[in-house]
N, C-alpha and C. Protein backbone atom coordinates (compact mmCIF):
# COMPACT_ATOMS: atom_id res chain seq x y z
N MET A 1 29.38 38.07 -62.53
CA MET A 1 29.04 39.20 -61.78
C MET A 1 27.92 38.92 -62.39
N PRO A 2 26.68 39.70 -61.55
CA PRO A 2 24.75 39.13 -61.75
C PRO A 2 24.72 40.24 -62.95
N ALA A 3 23.67 39.70 -63.21
CA ALA A 3 23.16 39.96 -64.57
C ALA A 3 22.45 41.47 -63.81
N ALA A 4 22.30 43.03 -64.91
CA ALA A 4 21.41 43.36 -64.40
C ALA A 4 20.08 43.39 -63.69
N SER A 5 19.69 43.99 -63.16
CA SER A 5 17.88 43.49 -62.93
C SER A 5 16.90 44.62 -63.48
N PRO A 6 16.21 43.68 -64.07
CA PRO A 6 14.80 44.07 -64.83
C PRO A 6 14.04 45.05 -64.07
N THR A 7 13.73 46.08 -65.10
CA THR A 7 12.61 46.93 -64.29
C THR A 7 11.70 46.26 -64.16
N VAL A 8 10.65 46.42 -62.99
CA VAL A 8 9.73 45.31 -62.83
C VAL A 8 8.76 46.37 -62.01
N GLY A 9 7.43 46.43 -61.88
CA GLY A 9 6.53 47.02 -61.42
C GLY A 9 6.58 47.47 -60.04
N VAL A 10 5.72 47.88 -59.07
CA VAL A 10 5.65 48.01 -57.93
C VAL A 10 4.53 46.48 -57.53
N THR A 11 3.81 45.95 -57.81
CA THR A 11 2.79 45.24 -57.69
C THR A 11 3.78 44.01 -57.80
N GLU A 12 4.65 43.81 -58.74
CA GLU A 12 5.59 42.59 -59.57
C GLU A 12 7.00 42.77 -58.27
N ARG A 13 7.19 43.50 -58.07
CA ARG A 13 8.03 44.33 -56.53
C ARG A 13 7.92 43.13 -55.73
N ALA A 14 6.90 43.81 -55.19
CA ALA A 14 6.44 43.11 -53.87
C ALA A 14 5.35 41.33 -53.99
N ALA A 15 5.49 41.02 -55.39
CA ALA A 15 5.04 39.29 -55.68
C ALA A 15 6.66 38.94 -55.20
N LEU A 16 7.51 39.54 -56.07
CA LEU A 16 8.51 38.67 -55.86
C LEU A 16 9.37 38.94 -54.67
N THR A 17 9.01 40.19 -53.52
CA THR A 17 9.53 40.02 -52.19
C THR A 17 9.18 39.21 -51.62
N ALA A 18 7.50 39.32 -51.61
CA ALA A 18 6.42 37.88 -50.45
C ALA A 18 7.38 36.63 -51.39
N LEU A 19 7.70 35.92 -52.37
CA LEU A 19 7.90 34.86 -52.92
C LEU A 19 9.96 34.52 -52.19
N ALA A 20 9.85 35.49 -52.11
CA ALA A 20 11.83 35.40 -51.51
C ALA A 20 11.03 35.35 -49.99
N ALA A 21 10.52 36.34 -49.77
CA ALA A 21 10.61 35.66 -47.99
C ALA A 21 10.08 34.66 -47.57
N ARG A 22 9.19 33.78 -48.43
CA ARG A 22 8.20 32.51 -48.73
C ARG A 22 9.31 31.69 -48.40
N LEU A 23 10.01 31.64 -49.66
CA LEU A 23 11.21 30.38 -49.31
C LEU A 23 12.24 30.59 -48.27
N ARG A 24 12.91 31.57 -48.29
CA ARG A 24 13.30 31.81 -47.02
C ARG A 24 13.18 31.26 -45.89
N ALA A 25 12.30 31.49 -45.42
CA ALA A 25 11.25 30.86 -44.04
C ALA A 25 10.82 29.98 -44.31
N GLU A 26 10.85 28.85 -45.50
CA GLU A 26 10.81 27.68 -45.34
C GLU A 26 12.16 26.77 -45.02
N ARG A 27 12.50 27.50 -45.57
CA ARG A 27 14.43 27.27 -45.15
C ARG A 27 14.62 27.08 -44.04
N LEU A 28 14.55 28.01 -43.51
CA LEU A 28 14.49 28.42 -41.76
C LEU A 28 14.17 26.76 -41.41
N GLU A 29 12.92 27.24 -41.40
CA GLU A 29 11.80 26.32 -40.51
C GLU A 29 12.01 24.83 -40.43
N LEU A 30 12.69 24.74 -42.30
CA LEU A 30 13.37 22.97 -42.37
C LEU A 30 14.54 22.89 -41.12
N GLY A 31 15.25 23.57 -41.27
CA GLY A 31 16.54 23.92 -40.61
C GLY A 31 17.78 23.58 -41.67
N VAL A 32 17.66 23.98 -42.73
CA VAL A 32 18.53 23.44 -43.85
C VAL A 32 19.43 25.19 -43.99
N SER A 33 20.50 24.67 -44.21
CA SER A 33 21.43 25.53 -44.42
C SER A 33 21.24 26.02 -45.69
N MET A 34 22.09 26.96 -46.11
CA MET A 34 22.23 28.02 -47.46
C MET A 34 22.67 27.02 -48.51
N THR A 35 24.01 26.53 -47.95
CA THR A 35 24.79 25.87 -49.14
C THR A 35 24.50 24.31 -49.39
N SER A 36 23.08 23.49 -48.36
CA SER A 36 22.30 22.24 -48.54
C SER A 36 21.50 22.73 -49.46
N THR A 37 20.82 23.84 -49.61
CA THR A 37 19.92 24.33 -50.55
C THR A 37 20.11 24.15 -51.26
N ALA A 38 21.19 24.86 -51.60
CA ALA A 38 21.71 26.04 -53.01
C ALA A 38 21.87 24.47 -53.92
N GLU A 39 23.29 23.40 -53.20
CA GLU A 39 23.18 22.15 -53.53
C GLU A 39 22.62 21.57 -53.87
N ALA A 40 21.20 21.11 -53.36
CA ALA A 40 20.20 20.51 -53.59
C ALA A 40 19.35 21.22 -55.03
N ALA A 41 19.48 22.19 -55.11
CA ALA A 41 18.91 23.09 -55.82
C ALA A 41 19.86 23.34 -57.37
N GLY A 42 21.22 22.63 -57.46
CA GLY A 42 21.87 22.89 -58.46
C GLY A 42 22.06 24.37 -58.54
N ILE A 43 22.57 25.43 -57.70
CA ILE A 43 22.95 26.01 -58.33
C ILE A 43 23.85 26.86 -56.60
N SER A 44 24.12 28.00 -57.10
CA SER A 44 25.70 28.78 -55.80
C SER A 44 24.87 29.45 -54.95
N ARG A 45 25.53 29.43 -53.92
CA ARG A 45 25.53 29.84 -52.57
C ARG A 45 24.82 31.50 -52.59
N VAL A 46 25.77 32.32 -53.86
CA VAL A 46 25.57 33.43 -54.15
C VAL A 46 23.56 34.10 -54.86
N THR A 47 23.33 32.48 -55.34
CA THR A 47 22.43 32.77 -56.31
C THR A 47 21.24 32.73 -55.19
N LEU A 48 21.52 31.99 -54.45
CA LEU A 48 20.45 31.57 -53.39
C LEU A 48 20.19 32.79 -53.17
N HIS A 49 21.03 33.35 -52.30
CA HIS A 49 20.95 34.58 -51.84
C HIS A 49 20.47 35.60 -52.01
N ARG A 50 20.93 35.66 -53.10
CA ARG A 50 20.11 36.53 -54.12
C ARG A 50 18.52 36.61 -54.58
N ILE A 51 18.58 35.01 -54.40
CA ILE A 51 17.03 34.61 -54.49
C ILE A 51 16.65 35.14 -53.13
N GLU A 52 16.59 34.92 -52.54
CA GLU A 52 16.09 35.03 -50.56
C GLU A 52 16.11 36.81 -50.56
N HIS A 53 16.62 37.56 -51.23
CA HIS A 53 16.81 38.35 -51.22
C HIS A 53 15.43 39.31 -52.49
N GLY A 54 14.42 38.67 -53.11
CA GLY A 54 13.66 38.74 -54.28
C GLY A 54 14.70 39.45 -55.58
N GLU A 55 15.70 39.27 -55.65
CA GLU A 55 16.16 40.10 -56.94
C GLU A 55 15.86 39.48 -58.46
N PRO A 56 15.38 39.97 -59.40
CA PRO A 56 14.59 39.99 -60.75
C PRO A 56 15.48 40.03 -61.38
N SER A 57 16.82 39.79 -61.01
CA SER A 57 17.62 39.27 -62.61
C SER A 57 17.80 37.83 -61.93
N VAL A 58 17.31 37.37 -61.04
CA VAL A 58 17.48 35.55 -61.22
C VAL A 58 16.86 35.39 -61.77
N THR A 59 17.11 34.02 -62.70
CA THR A 59 15.85 33.43 -63.85
C THR A 59 14.97 32.40 -62.57
N MET A 60 13.76 32.88 -63.08
CA MET A 60 12.29 32.50 -62.95
C MET A 60 13.20 30.70 -62.73
N GLY A 61 14.34 29.70 -63.65
CA GLY A 61 14.77 28.32 -63.50
C GLY A 61 15.31 28.05 -61.66
N ALA A 62 15.75 29.24 -61.61
CA ALA A 62 16.51 29.32 -60.02
C ALA A 62 15.51 29.30 -58.87
N TYR A 63 14.15 30.22 -59.36
CA TYR A 63 13.46 30.24 -58.27
C TYR A 63 13.11 29.21 -58.29
N LEU A 64 12.47 28.14 -59.09
CA LEU A 64 11.57 27.18 -59.64
C LEU A 64 12.29 25.77 -58.55
N SER A 65 14.03 26.16 -58.79
CA SER A 65 14.64 24.88 -58.14
C SER A 65 15.04 24.56 -56.51
N VAL A 66 15.13 26.16 -56.25
CA VAL A 66 14.64 26.30 -55.00
C VAL A 66 13.55 25.71 -54.14
N ALA A 67 11.89 26.39 -55.05
CA ALA A 67 11.60 26.01 -54.55
C ALA A 67 11.28 23.78 -54.21
N SER A 68 11.37 23.60 -55.36
CA SER A 68 11.83 22.01 -55.41
C SER A 68 11.99 21.71 -54.32
N ALA A 69 13.65 22.06 -54.39
CA ALA A 69 14.61 21.81 -53.33
C ALA A 69 14.07 21.64 -51.82
N LEU A 70 13.41 22.78 -51.49
CA LEU A 70 12.56 22.94 -50.45
C LEU A 70 11.01 21.87 -50.28
N GLY A 71 10.87 21.34 -51.16
CA GLY A 71 9.71 20.70 -51.04
C GLY A 71 8.37 21.67 -51.67
N LEU A 72 8.14 22.85 -52.06
CA LEU A 72 7.27 23.85 -52.57
C LEU A 72 7.37 23.50 -54.02
N GLU A 73 5.84 23.90 -54.00
CA GLU A 73 5.22 23.74 -55.86
C GLU A 73 4.93 25.44 -56.51
N LEU A 74 5.27 25.84 -57.18
CA LEU A 74 5.52 27.46 -57.39
C LEU A 74 4.16 26.88 -58.85
N ARG A 75 3.55 27.90 -58.31
CA ARG A 75 2.22 27.61 -60.01
C ARG A 75 1.96 29.12 -60.43
N ALA A 76 1.61 29.01 -61.26
CA ALA A 76 1.27 30.15 -61.99
C ALA A 76 -0.30 30.76 -61.30
N ALA A 77 -0.16 31.74 -60.90
CA ALA A 77 -1.82 32.98 -60.39
C ALA A 77 -2.53 32.60 -61.68
N GLU A 78 -3.79 32.26 -60.68
CA GLU A 78 -5.35 32.51 -62.01
C GLU A 78 -5.16 34.08 -61.94
N ALA A 79 -5.36 34.23 -63.73
CA ALA A 79 -5.43 35.89 -64.07
C ALA A 79 -6.91 36.41 -63.51
N ARG A 80 -6.79 37.76 -63.19
CA ARG A 80 -7.81 38.17 -62.37
C ARG A 80 -9.41 38.10 -63.67
N ALA A 81 -10.37 37.40 -63.05
CA ALA A 81 -11.08 38.16 -64.03
C ALA A 81 -12.03 39.22 -64.32
N ARG A 82 -12.19 39.76 -65.72
CA ARG A 82 -12.38 40.80 -65.78
C ARG A 82 -13.50 40.71 -67.05
N PRO A 83 -14.44 41.45 -66.71
CA PRO A 83 -15.43 41.32 -67.54
C PRO A 83 -15.11 41.06 -69.04
N ALA A 84 -15.52 40.93 -70.19
CA ALA A 84 -15.19 40.75 -71.60
C ALA A 84 -16.23 42.08 -72.08
N THR A 85 -17.05 42.99 -71.58
CA THR A 85 -16.91 44.26 -72.29
C THR A 85 -17.34 44.97 -70.66
N PRO A 86 -17.02 45.86 -70.38
CA PRO A 86 -17.04 46.38 -69.42
C PRO A 86 -18.16 47.61 -69.17
N PRO A 87 -18.83 48.00 -68.41
CA PRO A 87 -19.56 49.08 -68.58
C PRO A 87 -19.34 50.56 -69.11
N GLU A 88 -20.10 50.60 -69.92
CA GLU A 88 -19.66 52.02 -70.88
C GLU A 88 -19.60 53.02 -70.02
N CYS A 89 -18.29 53.85 -70.29
CA CYS A 89 -17.41 55.03 -69.30
C CYS A 89 -17.59 56.34 -70.07
N ASP A 90 -16.65 57.41 -69.43
CA ASP A 90 -17.13 58.62 -70.33
C ASP A 90 -15.57 58.73 -70.34
N THR A 91 -14.87 58.91 -71.56
CA THR A 91 -13.34 58.44 -71.90
C THR A 91 -13.20 60.15 -71.13
N GLY A 92 -13.02 60.87 -71.56
CA GLY A 92 -12.43 61.86 -70.81
C GLY A 92 -12.01 61.93 -69.13
N THR A 93 -12.45 63.01 -68.44
CA THR A 93 -11.54 62.84 -66.95
C THR A 93 -11.94 61.78 -66.27
N ALA A 94 -13.26 61.89 -66.46
CA ALA A 94 -13.37 60.56 -65.29
C ALA A 94 -13.02 59.09 -65.64
N ALA A 95 -11.77 59.09 -67.11
CA ALA A 95 -11.42 58.19 -67.05
C ALA A 95 -10.03 58.39 -65.81
N ILE A 96 -9.54 59.78 -65.85
CA ILE A 96 -8.25 59.84 -65.04
C ILE A 96 -8.92 59.51 -63.83
N ASP A 97 -10.04 59.96 -63.17
CA ASP A 97 -10.17 60.02 -62.33
C ASP A 97 -10.97 58.76 -60.79
N SER A 98 -10.89 58.05 -62.03
CA SER A 98 -11.02 56.44 -61.37
C SER A 98 -9.75 55.50 -61.14
N ASP A 99 -10.50 54.64 -60.88
CA ASP A 99 -9.05 53.06 -60.16
C ASP A 99 -9.39 52.79 -61.52
N SER A 100 -9.31 52.95 -62.41
CA SER A 100 -8.84 52.02 -63.59
C SER A 100 -9.02 53.27 -64.52
N VAL A 101 -8.25 52.69 -65.91
CA VAL A 101 -8.18 53.21 -67.45
C VAL A 101 -8.30 52.56 -67.86
N ASP A 102 -9.71 52.69 -68.64
CA ASP A 102 -9.89 52.01 -70.13
C ASP A 102 -8.98 52.24 -71.24
N ILE A 103 -8.77 51.40 -71.85
CA ILE A 103 -7.58 51.64 -72.89
C ILE A 103 -8.37 51.93 -73.97
N ARG A 104 -9.52 51.70 -74.18
CA ARG A 104 -10.22 51.97 -75.23
C ARG A 104 -10.05 53.18 -76.04
N ALA A 105 -9.88 54.12 -74.55
CA ALA A 105 -10.35 55.87 -74.75
C ALA A 105 -8.49 56.17 -74.94
N TYR A 106 -7.89 55.69 -75.08
CA TYR A 106 -6.14 56.26 -75.16
C TYR A 106 -5.60 54.82 -76.88
N PRO A 107 -5.66 55.63 -77.54
CA PRO A 107 -5.06 54.59 -78.62
C PRO A 107 -3.82 54.23 -78.87
N GLN A 108 -3.06 55.34 -77.86
CA GLN A 108 -1.46 55.03 -77.84
C GLN A 108 -1.06 53.31 -76.97
N LEU A 109 -1.87 53.80 -75.54
CA LEU A 109 -2.10 52.88 -74.55
C LEU A 109 -2.59 51.46 -75.49
N ARG A 110 -3.73 51.49 -75.39
CA ARG A 110 -3.99 50.46 -76.49
C ARG A 110 -3.18 50.19 -77.22
N GLN A 111 -2.33 50.13 -78.26
CA GLN A 111 -1.48 49.40 -78.65
C GLN A 111 -0.46 49.03 -78.19
N LEU A 112 0.13 49.69 -76.72
CA LEU A 112 1.00 49.32 -76.13
C LEU A 112 0.29 48.07 -75.78
N ALA A 113 -0.76 48.06 -74.76
CA ALA A 113 -1.58 47.11 -74.05
C ALA A 113 -2.16 45.64 -74.90
N TRP A 114 -2.05 45.69 -76.46
CA TRP A 114 -2.07 44.95 -77.12
C TRP A 114 -2.41 43.18 -76.55
N HIS A 115 -1.53 42.96 -76.12
CA HIS A 115 -0.97 41.47 -75.48
C HIS A 115 -2.25 41.04 -74.38
N LEU A 116 -3.32 42.41 -73.70
CA LEU A 116 -4.19 41.63 -72.52
C LEU A 116 -4.98 41.60 -73.46
N GLY A 117 -5.36 41.21 -75.17
CA GLY A 117 -6.73 40.81 -75.57
C GLY A 117 -7.42 41.76 -74.72
N ASP A 118 -9.26 40.46 -74.96
CA ASP A 118 -10.41 41.50 -74.28
C ASP A 118 -10.25 42.23 -72.56
N SER A 119 -9.51 42.22 -72.06
CA SER A 119 -8.94 43.05 -71.17
C SER A 119 -9.01 44.41 -71.46
N VAL A 120 -9.82 45.34 -71.06
CA VAL A 120 -9.58 46.98 -71.20
C VAL A 120 -9.48 48.23 -70.33
N SER A 121 -9.04 47.74 -69.09
CA SER A 121 -9.18 48.26 -68.55
C SER A 121 -7.74 48.10 -67.59
N LEU A 122 -7.32 48.99 -67.36
CA LEU A 122 -5.78 48.56 -66.17
C LEU A 122 -6.05 49.72 -64.95
N THR A 123 -5.05 49.29 -63.70
CA THR A 123 -5.46 50.62 -62.66
C THR A 123 -4.11 50.98 -63.25
N PRO A 124 -4.37 52.78 -62.50
CA PRO A 124 -3.36 53.48 -63.08
C PRO A 124 -1.98 53.77 -63.34
N ARG A 125 -1.80 52.51 -61.88
CA ARG A 125 -0.56 51.96 -61.97
C ARG A 125 0.52 51.18 -62.98
N GLU A 126 -1.19 49.80 -63.17
CA GLU A 126 -0.35 49.30 -64.52
C GLU A 126 -0.19 50.26 -65.44
N ALA A 127 -1.15 51.45 -65.76
CA ALA A 127 -1.04 52.25 -66.77
C ALA A 127 0.21 52.81 -66.79
N LEU A 128 0.55 53.79 -65.70
CA LEU A 128 1.94 54.13 -65.83
C LEU A 128 3.09 53.66 -66.45
N SER A 129 3.07 52.84 -65.74
CA SER A 129 4.44 51.26 -66.37
C SER A 129 4.54 51.13 -67.72
N LEU A 130 3.30 50.42 -67.93
CA LEU A 130 3.22 50.08 -69.56
C LEU A 130 3.71 51.24 -70.01
N TYR A 131 3.16 52.56 -69.97
CA TYR A 131 3.89 53.52 -71.03
C TYR A 131 5.29 53.67 -70.46
N GLU A 132 5.76 53.55 -69.68
CA GLU A 132 7.18 54.02 -69.36
C GLU A 132 7.97 52.71 -70.07
N ARG A 133 7.91 51.43 -69.69
CA ARG A 133 8.08 50.00 -69.99
C ARG A 133 8.83 50.31 -71.95
N ASN A 134 7.35 50.78 -72.18
CA ASN A 134 7.42 50.83 -73.60
C ASN A 134 7.78 52.44 -74.67
N TRP A 135 7.65 53.23 -73.54
CA TRP A 135 7.85 54.71 -74.50
C TRP A 135 8.28 55.03 -75.88
N ARG A 136 8.91 54.05 -76.43
CA ARG A 136 9.93 53.99 -77.27
C ARG A 136 8.91 53.85 -78.55
N HIS A 137 8.44 53.06 -78.04
CA HIS A 137 7.14 52.79 -79.40
C HIS A 137 5.83 53.62 -79.05
N VAL A 138 6.03 55.15 -77.94
CA VAL A 138 4.87 55.18 -78.58
C VAL A 138 4.87 56.62 -79.45
N ASP A 139 3.90 57.26 -80.08
CA ASP A 139 3.87 58.36 -81.64
C ASP A 139 3.70 58.88 -80.22
N THR A 140 4.24 59.70 -79.97
CA THR A 140 3.53 61.10 -79.14
C THR A 140 2.75 62.13 -80.37
N THR A 141 3.19 62.29 -81.33
CA THR A 141 3.05 63.07 -82.11
C THR A 141 1.35 62.37 -82.51
N ALA A 142 0.83 61.52 -82.57
CA ALA A 142 -0.39 60.75 -82.61
C ALA A 142 -1.15 60.89 -81.35
N MET A 143 -0.61 61.81 -80.48
CA MET A 143 -1.23 61.55 -79.16
C MET A 143 -2.73 62.14 -78.98
N ASP A 144 -3.74 62.21 -79.01
CA ASP A 144 -4.56 63.47 -78.50
C ASP A 144 -4.30 63.82 -77.19
N SER A 145 -4.52 65.49 -76.81
CA SER A 145 -4.92 66.16 -75.77
C SER A 145 -5.14 64.93 -74.47
N ARG A 146 -6.47 64.23 -74.36
CA ARG A 146 -6.68 63.51 -73.71
C ARG A 146 -5.97 62.66 -73.04
N GLU A 147 -4.83 61.79 -74.24
CA GLU A 147 -4.09 61.16 -73.83
C GLU A 147 -2.85 61.23 -73.57
N ARG A 148 -2.53 62.69 -73.65
CA ARG A 148 -1.20 63.64 -72.92
C ARG A 148 -1.90 64.12 -71.74
N ALA A 149 -2.90 64.09 -71.52
CA ALA A 149 -3.63 64.36 -70.33
C ALA A 149 -3.26 63.42 -69.07
N LEU A 150 -3.74 62.26 -69.69
CA LEU A 150 -3.69 60.82 -68.85
C LEU A 150 -2.43 60.80 -68.45
N VAL A 151 -1.50 61.33 -69.66
CA VAL A 151 0.19 60.65 -69.19
C VAL A 151 0.69 61.50 -67.91
N GLU A 152 0.09 62.76 -68.16
CA GLU A 152 0.15 63.92 -67.57
C GLU A 152 -0.16 63.65 -65.88
N HIS A 153 -1.08 63.33 -65.85
CA HIS A 153 -1.93 62.93 -64.63
C HIS A 153 -1.48 61.39 -63.32
N LEU A 154 -0.91 60.70 -64.97
CA LEU A 154 0.15 59.47 -64.09
C LEU A 154 0.84 59.87 -63.75
N VAL A 155 1.63 60.57 -64.39
CA VAL A 155 3.10 60.50 -63.99
C VAL A 155 2.72 61.39 -62.54
N GLU A 156 2.29 62.50 -62.38
CA GLU A 156 2.05 63.22 -60.84
C GLU A 156 1.74 62.61 -60.04
N ALA A 157 0.30 61.62 -60.36
CA ALA A 157 0.06 61.34 -59.65
C ALA A 157 0.50 59.92 -58.41
N TRP A 158 1.38 59.10 -59.58
CA TRP A 158 1.71 57.86 -59.28
C TRP A 158 3.56 57.32 -59.59
N GLY A 159 4.03 59.06 -60.69
CA GLY A 159 5.43 58.63 -60.76
C GLY A 159 6.07 58.97 -59.86
N GLY A 160 5.31 60.24 -59.34
CA GLY A 160 6.44 61.13 -58.45
C GLY A 160 6.80 62.74 -59.11
N GLY A 161 5.84 62.67 -60.50
CA GLY A 161 6.16 63.97 -60.85
C GLY A 161 7.29 63.43 -62.46
N ARG A 162 7.73 62.27 -62.00
CA ARG A 162 8.71 61.93 -63.45
C ARG A 162 8.58 60.68 -64.41
N LEU A 163 8.27 61.25 -65.84
CA LEU A 163 8.38 59.81 -66.09
C LEU A 163 9.13 59.24 -66.76
N LEU A 164 9.62 58.52 -66.26
CA LEU A 164 10.74 57.09 -66.17
C LEU A 164 10.90 56.45 -67.05
N VAL A 165 11.27 57.26 -68.75
CA VAL A 165 11.78 56.27 -70.03
C VAL A 165 13.37 56.78 -70.35
């Protein structure tokens, strides 16, 4: 039985779907059967089917094996260039209404985004996704009114009115 699919954000889902479509298109362009491709990649035909449908539960190694069997090379995407020190911004409602969320203004979000290093802003979708994936680590008693308002705004604007935790 296949592993349960991990939760992925909209951006990641779109990238996975695009990768799946690219792999399938290359296989079809080469005129190679699913069985032959799966054998060359060292995976089952069922796993190849799941890869070509962009399922996130398939290991990255399997995706790489299929790409290699088709003569493609997958490389990690370059990180987006973000300014080390963004321009000063109002940490009140302006941050909620903008196209980016300055994590310096929201202590719980800043703790959740520890792995981003010098990056100090996220898109609203990224911020909501980070809250949802890591809600168990959020200290809601330590959230100030601005951060609560941010979460409420993100949930209404990007989450369809539901915080998926």
